Amino acid sequence: MNNDQNLKVRWDCLIAMTMLISLGLPHQFLGAQSMETKLITQEDIQNLPQPIQRFLDYSGVVGTPRITMVSLEQTGRFMTAPDRPWVPFTATQIYNIEKASFKWKVHMKMAPLMIVKGVDRLEEGRGSMRIKLFGLIPLVSADGPEIDQGAMTRYLSETIWFPQAFLDDHIHWEAIDSLSAKAIFTIQDKSVEGIFHFDDEGKVTLFECERYASEGKEMVLRTWHTPIDEYGELGGLQLGIRGRAIWKKPESDYTYIDVKITNIIYE
C-alpha cells in the first residue's frame, strides 16, 4: 500500500469515527473505554452475594457507566419528637462516592413565619449537624464519635439511591442468606455495618443497623430501620424512591422521617 492509499484509509477511519460520535452512540462502540466511561459489567458483580447481584440486575446498573458524584432532590415530612406534629420539608443532597462523603441541605417550614434550615454532612469519616432558625440563629450544633457513626450509617443506607456505590472499595459484603446481606462500610480507621433485606425480585425492602440516637442529653445505641415504601424510575435506574426511617425503642417505634426522591443526577 503506497502513501496515498495509507492517507486515504486514515482519512476514511477519521470520518467514520466522527460520524459515530455525532450520532451519540455508546462509548463501547468506539473501541477501548477510558476510565471516565468504564461500564459496570456482569463480571464486576459476580463475586458479590446473590441478593446483591439480583438487586444490581433489577436496578439496571449493569451496563451503565461508573460514577463519582450524585446529586438529588427530596420532599417529605419530619417529626422532631414522638409527640410533635409532622413538618414538611424539601432538601438537596450531594454525594461523592470516591470520598464516601455527603452534604444534605434541608429547608423546613415549622410554622407560617418560622423557617428552619439545616446541613447534615459526612467528610473523611466525620459527621456534623447544624440547624439554624431562619438560617441564622443556631438551634443544633452536633459533632463527635456518635455523630460520625450516625452519618456513616446514613450514607450506607442511602447507597440504594446510587447502587453503583455497592461496588465501591469502601464497602465490603458478607453473605447471610438468599434475601439478605451484611455491608461493612469503612472510611480510614472507622467502620459501621448494616444489613440489607431484599425480596425475590431483587428490590431492597429494608435496611437495619445499630445507630446512636439522641435521647435527652444522652446518645443511646438503638436499632434503626429504613423500610422502602415505593419504587420508581429515576436517573435511568429502578430505585426505591420513597421510604421512612424508624427508631426501634422499648416503649414504641418512632417514625421520624418520610422522604421521597423527586430527582437524581449521576456524574
C-alpha atoms as a PDB file:
ATOM      1  CA  MET A   1       0.000   0.000   0.000  1.00  0.00           C
ATOM      2  CA  ASN A   2       1.510   3.365  -1.025  1.00  0.00           C
ATOM      3  CA  ASN A   3       1.470   6.611   0.975  1.00  0.00           C
ATOM      4  CA  ASP A   4      -1.591   7.974  -0.837  1.00  0.00           C
ATOM      5  CA  GLN A   5      -3.561   4.823  -0.008  1.00  0.00           C
ATOM      6  CA  ASN A   6      -2.447   4.947   3.646  1.00  0.00           C
ATOM      7  CA  LEU A   7      -3.573   8.550   3.878  1.00  0.00           C
ATOM      8  CA  LYS A   8      -6.961   7.712   2.352  1.00  0.00           C
ATOM      9  CA  VAL A   9      -7.544   4.821   4.835  1.00  0.00           C
ATOM     10  CA  ARG A  10      -6.705   7.026   7.799  1.00  0.00           C
ATOM     11  CA  TRP A  11      -8.957   9.773   6.492  1.00  0.00           C
ATOM     12  CA  ASP A  12     -11.871   7.324   6.000  1.00  0.00           C
ATOM     13  CA  CYS A  13     -11.376   5.995   9.564  1.00  0.00           C
ATOM     14  CA  LEU A  14     -11.402   9.529  10.941  1.00  0.00           C
ATOM     15  CA  ILE A  15     -14.645  10.339   9.104  1.00  0.00           C
ATOM     16  CA  ALA A  16     -16.270   7.121  10.364  1.00  0.00           C
ATOM     17  CA  MET A  17     -15.254   7.849  13.958  1.00  0.00           C
ATOM     18  CA  THR A  18     -16.584  11.394  13.733  1.00  0.00           C
ATOM     19  CA  MET A  19     -19.922  10.117  12.440  1.00  0.00           C
ATOM     20  CA  LEU A  20     -20.223   7.630  15.293  1.00  0.00           C
ATOM     21  CA  ILE A  21     -19.543  10.318  17.869  1.00  0.00           C
ATOM     22  CA  SER A  22     -22.000  12.730  16.249  1.00  0.00           C
ATOM     23  CA  LEU A  23     -24.697  10.065  16.381  1.00  0.00           C
ATOM     24  CA  GLY A  24     -24.220   9.776  20.133  1.00  0.00           C
ATOM     25  CA  LEU A  25     -23.535   6.039  20.062  1.00  0.00           C
ATOM     26  CA  PRO A  26     -22.416   4.453  23.339  1.00  0.00           C
ATOM     27  CA  HIS A  27     -18.708   4.515  24.074  1.00  0.00           C
ATOM     28  CA  GLN A  28     -18.443   0.720  23.943  1.00  0.00           C
ATOM     29  CA  PHE A  29     -18.862   1.005  20.136  1.00  0.00           C
ATOM     30  CA  LEU A  30     -15.927   3.378  19.901  1.00  0.00           C
ATOM     31  CA  GLY A  31     -13.201   0.964  20.977  1.00  0.00           C
ATOM     32  CA  ALA A  32     -11.351   0.902  24.286  1.00  0.00           C
ATOM     33  CA  GLN A  33     -13.169   2.663  27.131  1.00  0.00           C
ATOM     34  CA  SER A  34     -11.492   5.407  29.116  1.00  0.00           C
ATOM     35  CA  MET A  35     -11.547   5.301  32.918  1.00  0.00           C
ATOM     36  CA  GLU A  36     -14.232   8.005  32.920  1.00  0.00           C
ATOM     37  CA  THR A  37     -16.606   5.925  30.785  1.00  0.00           C
ATOM     38  CA  LYS A  38     -15.864   2.426  32.071  1.00  0.00           C
ATOM     39  CA  LEU A  39     -19.084   0.439  32.224  1.00  0.00           C
ATOM     40  CA  ILE A  40     -20.243  -1.839  35.016  1.00  0.00           C
ATOM     41  CA  THR A  41     -20.329  -5.402  33.716  1.00  0.00           C
ATOM     42  CA  GLN A  42     -21.778  -8.699  34.884  1.00  0.00           C
ATOM     43  CA  GLU A  43     -18.229  -9.769  35.655  1.00  0.00           C
ATOM     44  CA  ASP A  44     -17.864  -6.842  38.075  1.00  0.00           C
ATOM     45  CA  ILE A  45     -20.709  -8.133  40.260  1.00  0.00           C
ATOM     46  CA  GLN A  46     -20.228 -11.902  40.007  1.00  0.00           C
ATOM     47  CA  ASN A  47     -18.370 -12.243  43.330  1.00  0.00           C
ATOM     48  CA  LEU A  48     -20.963 -10.327  45.347  1.00  0.00           C
ATOM     49  CA  PRO A  49     -23.590 -12.143  47.470  1.00  0.00           C
ATOM     50  CA  GLN A  50     -26.522 -13.386  45.393  1.00  0.00           C
ATOM     51  CA  PRO A  51     -29.128 -10.903  46.721  1.00  0.00           C
ATOM     52  CA  ILE A  52     -26.759  -8.025  45.892  1.00  0.00           C
ATOM     53  CA  GLN A  53     -26.286  -9.321  42.349  1.00  0.00           C
ATOM     54  CA  ARG A  54     -30.058  -9.653  41.983  1.00  0.00           C
ATOM     55  CA  PHE A  55     -30.572  -6.085  43.214  1.00  0.00           C
ATOM     56  CA  LEU A  56     -27.973  -4.640  40.829  1.00  0.00           C
ATOM     57  CA  ASP A  57     -29.568  -6.537  37.934  1.00  0.00           C
ATOM     58  CA  TYR A  58     -33.040  -5.343  38.932  1.00  0.00           C
ATOM     59  CA  SER A  59     -31.967  -1.710  39.340  1.00  0.00           C
ATOM     60  CA  GLY A  60     -30.402  -1.692  35.874  1.00  0.00           C
ATOM     61  CA  VAL A  61     -26.879  -0.761  36.998  1.00  0.00           C
ATOM     62  CA  VAL A  62     -25.173  -3.408  34.850  1.00  0.00           C
ATOM     63  CA  GLY A  63     -24.214  -1.801  31.548  1.00  0.00           C
ATOM     64  CA  THR A  64     -24.164   1.757  32.910  1.00  0.00           C
ATOM     65  CA  PRO A  65     -21.059   3.913  33.454  1.00  0.00           C
ATOM     66  CA  ARG A  66     -19.287   4.039  36.782  1.00  0.00           C
ATOM     67  CA  ILE A  67     -19.956   7.343  38.531  1.00  0.00           C
ATOM     68  CA  THR A  68     -18.227   9.534  41.094  1.00  0.00           C
ATOM     69  CA  MET A  69     -20.870  12.129  42.024  1.00  0.00           C
ATOM     70  CA  VAL A  70     -24.584  12.069  42.783  1.00  0.00           C
ATOM     71  CA  SER A  71     -26.991  14.954  43.351  1.00  0.00           C
ATOM     72  CA  LEU A  72     -30.637  14.532  44.279  1.00  0.00           C
ATOM     73  CA  GLU A  73     -33.727  16.405  45.419  1.00  0.00           C
ATOM     74  CA  GLN A  74     -36.171  15.325  48.114  1.00  0.00           C
ATOM     75  CA  THR A  75     -39.538  16.217  49.554  1.00  0.00           C
ATOM     76  CA  GLY A  76     -41.107  14.794  52.663  1.00  0.00           C
ATOM     77  CA  ARG A  77     -42.106  15.338  56.247  1.00  0.00           C
ATOM     78  CA  PHE A  78     -40.202  15.246  59.515  1.00  0.00           C
ATOM     79  CA  MET A  79     -41.273  14.628  63.109  1.00  0.00           C
ATOM     80  CA  THR A  80     -38.933  16.286  65.610  1.00  0.00           C
ATOM     81  CA  ALA A  81     -40.242  14.221  68.555  1.00  0.00           C
ATOM     82  CA  PRO A  82     -42.782  11.389  69.012  1.00  0.00           C
ATOM     83  CA  ASP A  83     -45.368  13.816  70.436  1.00  0.00           C
ATOM     84  CA  ARG A  84     -44.860  16.530  67.808  1.00  0.00           C
ATOM     85  CA  PRO A  85     -46.740  17.051  64.523  1.00  0.00           C
ATOM     86  CA  TRP A  86     -45.265  16.316  61.113  1.00  0.00           C
ATOM     87  CA  VAL A  87     -43.348  19.183  59.475  1.00  0.00           C
ATOM     88  CA  PRO A  88     -42.971  19.404  55.665  1.00  0.00           C
ATOM     89  CA  PHE A  89     -39.510  19.799  54.183  1.00  0.00           C
ATOM     90  CA  THR A  90     -37.562  19.987  50.950  1.00  0.00           C
ATOM     91  CA  ALA A  91     -33.908  19.046  50.653  1.00  0.00           C
ATOM     92  CA  THR A  92     -30.985  18.656  48.293  1.00  0.00           C
ATOM     93  CA  GLN A  93     -28.101  16.253  48.739  1.00  0.00           C
ATOM     94  CA  ILE A  94     -24.725  15.744  47.067  1.00  0.00           C
ATOM     95  CA  TYR A  95     -22.619  12.579  47.408  1.00  0.00           C
ATOM     96  CA  ASN A  96     -19.005  11.967  46.446  1.00  0.00           C
ATOM     97  CA  ILE A  97     -18.574   8.207  46.005  1.00  0.00           C
ATOM     98  CA  GLU A  98     -14.786   8.275  45.740  1.00  0.00           C
ATOM     99  CA  LYS A  99     -14.540  10.113  49.071  1.00  0.00           C
ATOM    100  CA  ALA A 100     -17.609   8.427  50.619  1.00  0.00           C
ATOM    101  CA  SER A 101     -18.998  11.803  51.667  1.00  0.00           C
ATOM    102  CA  PHE A 102     -22.274  13.711  51.513  1.00  0.00           C
ATOM    103  CA  LYS A 103     -23.819  17.099  52.225  1.00  0.00           C
ATOM    104  CA  TRP A 104     -27.560  17.330  52.920  1.00  0.00           C
ATOM    105  CA  LYS A 105     -29.260  20.741  52.993  1.00  0.00           C
ATOM    106  CA  VAL A 106     -32.801  20.866  54.337  1.00  0.00           C
ATOM    107  CA  HIS A 107     -35.469  23.588  54.446  1.00  0.00           C
ATOM    108  CA  MET A 108     -38.337  23.073  56.929  1.00  0.00           C
ATOM    109  CA  LYS A 109     -41.393  25.248  57.425  1.00  0.00           C
ATOM    110  CA  MET A 110     -42.122  24.806  61.151  1.00  0.00           C
ATOM    111  CA  ALA A 111     -44.885  27.463  61.095  1.00  0.00           C
ATOM    112  CA  PRO A 112     -46.072  30.165  58.641  1.00  0.00           C
ATOM    113  CA  LEU A 113     -43.356  32.561  59.790  1.00  0.00           C
ATOM    114  CA  MET A 114     -40.811  30.084  61.131  1.00  0.00           C
ATOM    115  CA  ILE A 115     -38.282  28.623  58.688  1.00  0.00           C
ATOM    116  CA  VAL A 116     -35.575  26.229  59.829  1.00  0.00           C
ATOM    117  CA  LYS A 117     -32.555  25.397  57.687  1.00  0.00           C
ATOM    118  CA  GLY A 118     -30.083  22.616  58.348  1.00  0.00           C
ATOM    119  CA  VAL A 119     -26.950  20.981  56.989  1.00  0.00           C
ATOM    120  CA  ASP A 120     -26.004  17.379  57.726  1.00  0.00           C
ATOM    121  CA  ARG A 121     -22.681  16.160  56.357  1.00  0.00           C
ATOM    122  CA  LEU A 122     -20.093  13.399  56.274  1.00  0.00           C
ATOM    123  CA  GLU A 123     -16.496  14.226  55.340  1.00  0.00           C
ATOM    124  CA  GLU A 124     -13.455  11.977  55.833  1.00  0.00           C
ATOM    125  CA  GLY A 125     -15.384   9.830  58.277  1.00  0.00           C
ATOM    126  CA  ARG A 126     -16.527  12.761  60.395  1.00  0.00           C
ATOM    127  CA  GLY A 127     -20.163  13.726  60.694  1.00  0.00           C
ATOM    128  CA  SER A 128     -21.681  17.049  61.685  1.00  0.00           C
ATOM    129  CA  MET A 129     -25.124  18.566  62.016  1.00  0.00           C
ATOM    130  CA  ARG A 130     -26.009  22.267  62.012  1.00  0.00           C
ATOM    131  CA  ILE A 131     -29.598  23.531  62.296  1.00  0.00           C
ATOM    132  CA  LYS A 132     -30.495  27.231  62.362  1.00  0.00           C
ATOM    133  CA  LEU A 133     -33.701  29.231  62.684  1.00  0.00           C
ATOM    134  CA  PHE A 134     -34.113  31.374  59.552  1.00  0.00           C
ATOM    135  CA  GLY A 135     -30.659  30.080  58.595  1.00  0.00           C
ATOM    136  CA  LEU A 136     -29.142  32.479  61.165  1.00  0.00           C
ATOM    137  CA  ILE A 137     -29.918  31.536  64.779  1.00  0.00           C
ATOM    138  CA  PRO A 138     -28.207  28.283  65.891  1.00  0.00           C
ATOM    139  CA  LEU A 139     -30.545  25.611  67.233  1.00  0.00           C
ATOM    140  CA  VAL A 140     -28.426  22.457  66.922  1.00  0.00           C
ATOM    141  CA  SER A 141     -24.664  22.019  66.559  1.00  0.00           C
ATOM    142  CA  ALA A 142     -23.579  18.392  66.855  1.00  0.00           C
ATOM    143  CA  ASP A 143     -20.238  16.645  66.334  1.00  0.00           C
ATOM    144  CA  GLY A 144     -18.368  13.732  67.866  1.00  0.00           C
ATOM    145  CA  PRO A 145     -17.913   9.956  67.568  1.00  0.00           C
ATOM    146  CA  GLU A 146     -21.631   9.171  67.832  1.00  0.00           C
ATOM    147  CA  ILE A 147     -22.442  11.711  65.105  1.00  0.00           C
ATOM    148  CA  ASP A 148     -19.675  10.202  62.964  1.00  0.00           C
ATOM    149  CA  GLN A 149     -21.232   6.754  63.377  1.00  0.00           C
ATOM    150  CA  GLY A 150     -24.687   8.078  62.563  1.00  0.00           C
ATOM    151  CA  ALA A 151     -23.542   9.891  59.424  1.00  0.00           C
ATOM    152  CA  MET A 152     -21.688   6.819  58.191  1.00  0.00           C
ATOM    153  CA  THR A 153     -24.670   4.512  58.713  1.00  0.00           C
ATOM    154  CA  ARG A 154     -26.866   7.069  56.970  1.00  0.00           C
ATOM    155  CA  TYR A 155     -24.542   7.115  53.931  1.00  0.00           C
ATOM    156  CA  LEU A 156     -24.510   3.316  53.842  1.00  0.00           C
ATOM    157  CA  SER A 157     -28.304   3.074  53.948  1.00  0.00           C
ATOM    158  CA  GLU A 158     -28.688   5.679  51.194  1.00  0.00           C
ATOM    159  CA  THR A 159     -26.463   3.864  48.682  1.00  0.00           C
ATOM    160  CA  ILE A 160     -29.682   2.242  47.447  1.00  0.00           C
ATOM    161  CA  TRP A 161     -30.229   5.557  45.602  1.00  0.00           C
ATOM    162  CA  PHE A 162     -26.895   5.170  43.790  1.00  0.00           C
ATOM    163  CA  PRO A 163     -26.331   1.388  43.602  1.00  0.00           C
ATOM    164  CA  GLN A 164     -23.095   1.922  41.680  1.00  0.00           C
ATOM    165  CA  ALA A 165     -21.563   2.509  45.134  1.00  0.00           C
ATOM    166  CA  PHE A 166     -22.248  -1.139  46.050  1.00  0.00           C
ATOM    167  CA  LEU A 167     -19.056  -1.827  44.056  1.00  0.00           C
ATOM    168  CA  ASP A 168     -17.003   0.835  45.840  1.00  0.00           C
ATOM    169  CA  ASP A 169     -13.935  -0.242  47.824  1.00  0.00           C
ATOM    170  CA  HIS A 170     -15.309   1.446  50.963  1.00  0.00           C
ATOM    171  CA  ILE A 171     -17.947  -1.302  51.208  1.00  0.00           C
ATOM    172  CA  HIS A 172     -17.269  -4.968  51.978  1.00  0.00           C
ATOM    173  CA  TRP A 173     -20.087  -7.512  51.618  1.00  0.00           C
ATOM    174  CA  GLU A 174     -20.793 -10.665  53.621  1.00  0.00           C
ATOM    175  CA  ALA A 175     -23.419 -13.200  52.568  1.00  0.00           C
ATOM    176  CA  ILE A 176     -26.208 -14.048  55.025  1.00  0.00           C
ATOM    177  CA  ASP A 177     -28.900 -15.839  53.021  1.00  0.00           C
ATOM    178  CA  SER A 178     -30.809 -15.562  49.742  1.00  0.00           C
ATOM    179  CA  LEU A 179     -32.712 -12.468  50.877  1.00  0.00           C
ATOM    180  CA  SER A 180     -30.176 -10.528  52.951  1.00  0.00           C
ATOM    181  CA  ALA A 181     -26.533  -9.482  53.083  1.00  0.00           C
ATOM    182  CA  LYS A 182     -24.337  -7.575  55.514  1.00  0.00           C
ATOM    183  CA  ALA A 183     -22.406  -4.487  54.413  1.00  0.00           C
ATOM    184  CA  ILE A 184     -19.346  -3.227  56.286  1.00  0.00           C
ATOM    185  CA  PHE A 185     -18.579   0.385  55.407  1.00  0.00           C
ATOM    186  CA  THR A 186     -15.090   1.708  56.220  1.00  0.00           C
ATOM    187  CA  ILE A 187     -13.550   5.169  55.995  1.00  0.00           C
ATOM    188  CA  GLN A 188      -9.924   5.272  57.111  1.00  0.00           C
ATOM    189  CA  ASP A 189      -9.966   3.640  60.595  1.00  0.00           C
ATOM    190  CA  LYS A 190     -13.733   3.849  61.169  1.00  0.00           C
ATOM    191  CA  SER A 191     -16.277   1.178  60.262  1.00  0.00           C
ATOM    192  CA  VAL A 192     -20.019   0.705  60.556  1.00  0.00           C
ATOM    193  CA  GLU A 193     -22.207  -2.151  59.399  1.00  0.00           C
ATOM    194  CA  GLY A 194     -25.787  -2.851  58.449  1.00  0.00           C
ATOM    195  CA  ILE A 195     -27.995  -5.478  56.866  1.00  0.00           C
ATOM    196  CA  PHE A 196     -29.860  -5.019  53.596  1.00  0.00           C
ATOM    197  CA  HIS A 197     -33.007  -7.106  53.078  1.00  0.00           C
ATOM    198  CA  PHE A 198     -34.396  -7.942  49.627  1.00  0.00           C
ATOM    199  CA  ASP A 199     -37.434  -9.566  48.055  1.00  0.00           C
ATOM    200  CA  ASP A 200     -37.350 -12.352  45.463  1.00  0.00           C
ATOM    201  CA  GLU A 201     -37.457  -9.844  42.601  1.00  0.00           C
ATOM    202  CA  GLY A 202     -34.317  -8.071  43.781  1.00  0.00           C
ATOM    203  CA  LYS A 203     -35.774  -4.950  45.404  1.00  0.00           C
ATOM    204  CA  VAL A 204     -34.332  -3.685  48.670  1.00  0.00           C
ATOM    205  CA  THR A 205     -37.153  -3.800  51.221  1.00  0.00           C
ATOM    206  CA  LEU A 206     -35.347  -2.717  54.396  1.00  0.00           C
ATOM    207  CA  PHE A 207     -32.015  -1.600  55.807  1.00  0.00           C
ATOM    208  CA  GLU A 208     -31.291  -2.104  59.505  1.00  0.00           C
ATOM    209  CA  CYS A 209     -28.399  -1.391  61.827  1.00  0.00           C
ATOM    210  CA  GLU A 210     -27.489  -0.197  65.297  1.00  0.00           C
ATOM    211  CA  ARG A 211     -27.182   3.590  65.334  1.00  0.00           C
ATOM    212  CA  TYR A 212     -26.768   6.234  68.016  1.00  0.00           C
ATOM    213  CA  ALA A 213     -29.955   8.159  68.823  1.00  0.00           C
ATOM    214  CA  SER A 214     -30.160  11.420  70.767  1.00  0.00           C
ATOM    215  CA  GLU A 215     -32.382  10.919  73.819  1.00  0.00           C
ATOM    216  CA  GLY A 216     -32.367  13.924  76.106  1.00  0.00           C
ATOM    217  CA  LYS A 217     -28.734  14.678  76.887  1.00  0.00           C
ATOM    218  CA  GLU A 218     -27.553  11.150  76.075  1.00  0.00           C
ATOM    219  CA  MET A 219     -26.636   9.299  72.903  1.00  0.00           C
ATOM    220  CA  VAL A 220     -28.096   5.791  73.060  1.00  0.00           C
ATOM    221  CA  LEU A 221     -27.444   2.915  70.673  1.00  0.00           C
ATOM    222  CA  ARG A 222     -30.777   1.851  69.130  1.00  0.00           C
ATOM    223  CA  THR A 223     -31.934  -0.353  66.279  1.00  0.00           C
ATOM    224  CA  TRP A 224     -32.595   1.783  63.212  1.00  0.00           C
ATOM    225  CA  HIS A 225     -34.821   0.665  60.303  1.00  0.00           C
ATOM    226  CA  THR A 226     -35.355   2.260  56.897  1.00  0.00           C
ATOM    227  CA  PRO A 227     -38.181   0.440  55.061  1.00  0.00           C
ATOM    228  CA  ILE A 228     -38.755   1.194  51.363  1.00  0.00           C
ATOM    229  CA  ASP A 229     -42.372   2.011  50.500  1.00  0.00           C
ATOM    230  CA  GLU A 230     -42.255   2.832  46.787  1.00  0.00           C
ATOM    231  CA  TYR A 231     -40.145   2.079  43.721  1.00  0.00           C
ATOM    232  CA  GLY A 232     -39.866   4.047  40.514  1.00  0.00           C
ATOM    233  CA  GLU A 233     -37.534   5.020  37.685  1.00  0.00           C
ATOM    234  CA  LEU A 234     -35.108   7.883  38.236  1.00  0.00           C
ATOM    235  CA  GLY A 235     -31.803   8.574  36.559  1.00  0.00           C
ATOM    236  CA  GLY A 236     -32.407   5.642  34.237  1.00  0.00           C
ATOM    237  CA  LEU A 237     -32.495   3.137  37.131  1.00  0.00           C
ATOM    238  CA  GLN A 238     -35.195   1.354  39.113  1.00  0.00           C
ATOM    239  CA  LEU A 239     -34.851   2.781  42.629  1.00  0.00           C
ATOM    240  CA  GLY A 240     -36.574   2.861  45.979  1.00  0.00           C
ATOM    241  CA  ILE A 241     -37.847   6.414  45.687  1.00  0.00           C
ATOM    242  CA  ARG A 242     -39.867   6.637  48.910  1.00  0.00           C
ATOM    243  CA  GLY A 243     -39.133   5.375  52.402  1.00  0.00           C
ATOM    244  CA  ARG A 244     -39.113   6.025  56.124  1.00  0.00           C
ATOM    245  CA  ALA A 245     -36.626   5.964  58.983  1.00  0.00           C
ATOM    246  CA  ILE A 246     -37.690   4.370  62.251  1.00  0.00           C
ATOM    247  CA  TRP A 247     -36.119   4.145  65.702  1.00  0.00           C
ATOM    248  CA  LYS A 248     -36.981   0.863  67.421  1.00  0.00           C
ATOM    249  CA  LYS A 249     -37.459   1.859  71.065  1.00  0.00           C
ATOM    250  CA  PRO A 250     -38.535  -0.284  74.019  1.00  0.00           C
ATOM    251  CA  GLU A 251     -41.760   1.673  74.542  1.00  0.00           C
ATOM    252  CA  SER A 252     -42.758   2.006  70.855  1.00  0.00           C
ATOM    253  CA  ASP A 253     -41.419   2.584  67.363  1.00  0.00           C
ATOM    254  CA  TYR A 254     -40.710   6.186  66.420  1.00  0.00           C
ATOM    255  CA  THR A 255     -41.001   7.026  62.707  1.00  0.00           C
ATOM    256  CA  TYR A 256     -39.373  10.420  62.339  1.00  0.00           C
ATOM    257  CA  ILE A 257     -38.991  10.931  58.596  1.00  0.00           C
ATOM    258  CA  ASP A 258     -40.974  10.080  55.467  1.00  0.00           C
ATOM    259  CA  VAL A 259     -38.998  11.041  52.365  1.00  0.00           C
ATOM    260  CA  LYS A 260     -39.410  10.842  48.586  1.00  0.00           C
ATOM    261  CA  ILE A 261     -36.703  11.329  45.948  1.00  0.00           C
ATOM    262  CA  THR A 262     -38.011  13.581  43.166  1.00  0.00           C
ATOM    263  CA  ASN A 263     -34.912  13.953  41.010  1.00  0.00           C
ATOM    264  CA  ILE A 264     -31.444  12.402  40.741  1.00  0.00           C
ATOM    265  CA  ILE A 265     -28.402  13.115  38.588  1.00  0.00           C
ATOM    266  CA  TYR A 266     -25.369  10.845  38.200  1.00  0.00           C
ATOM    267  CA  GLU A 267     -21.961  12.095  37.097  1.00  0.00           C
END
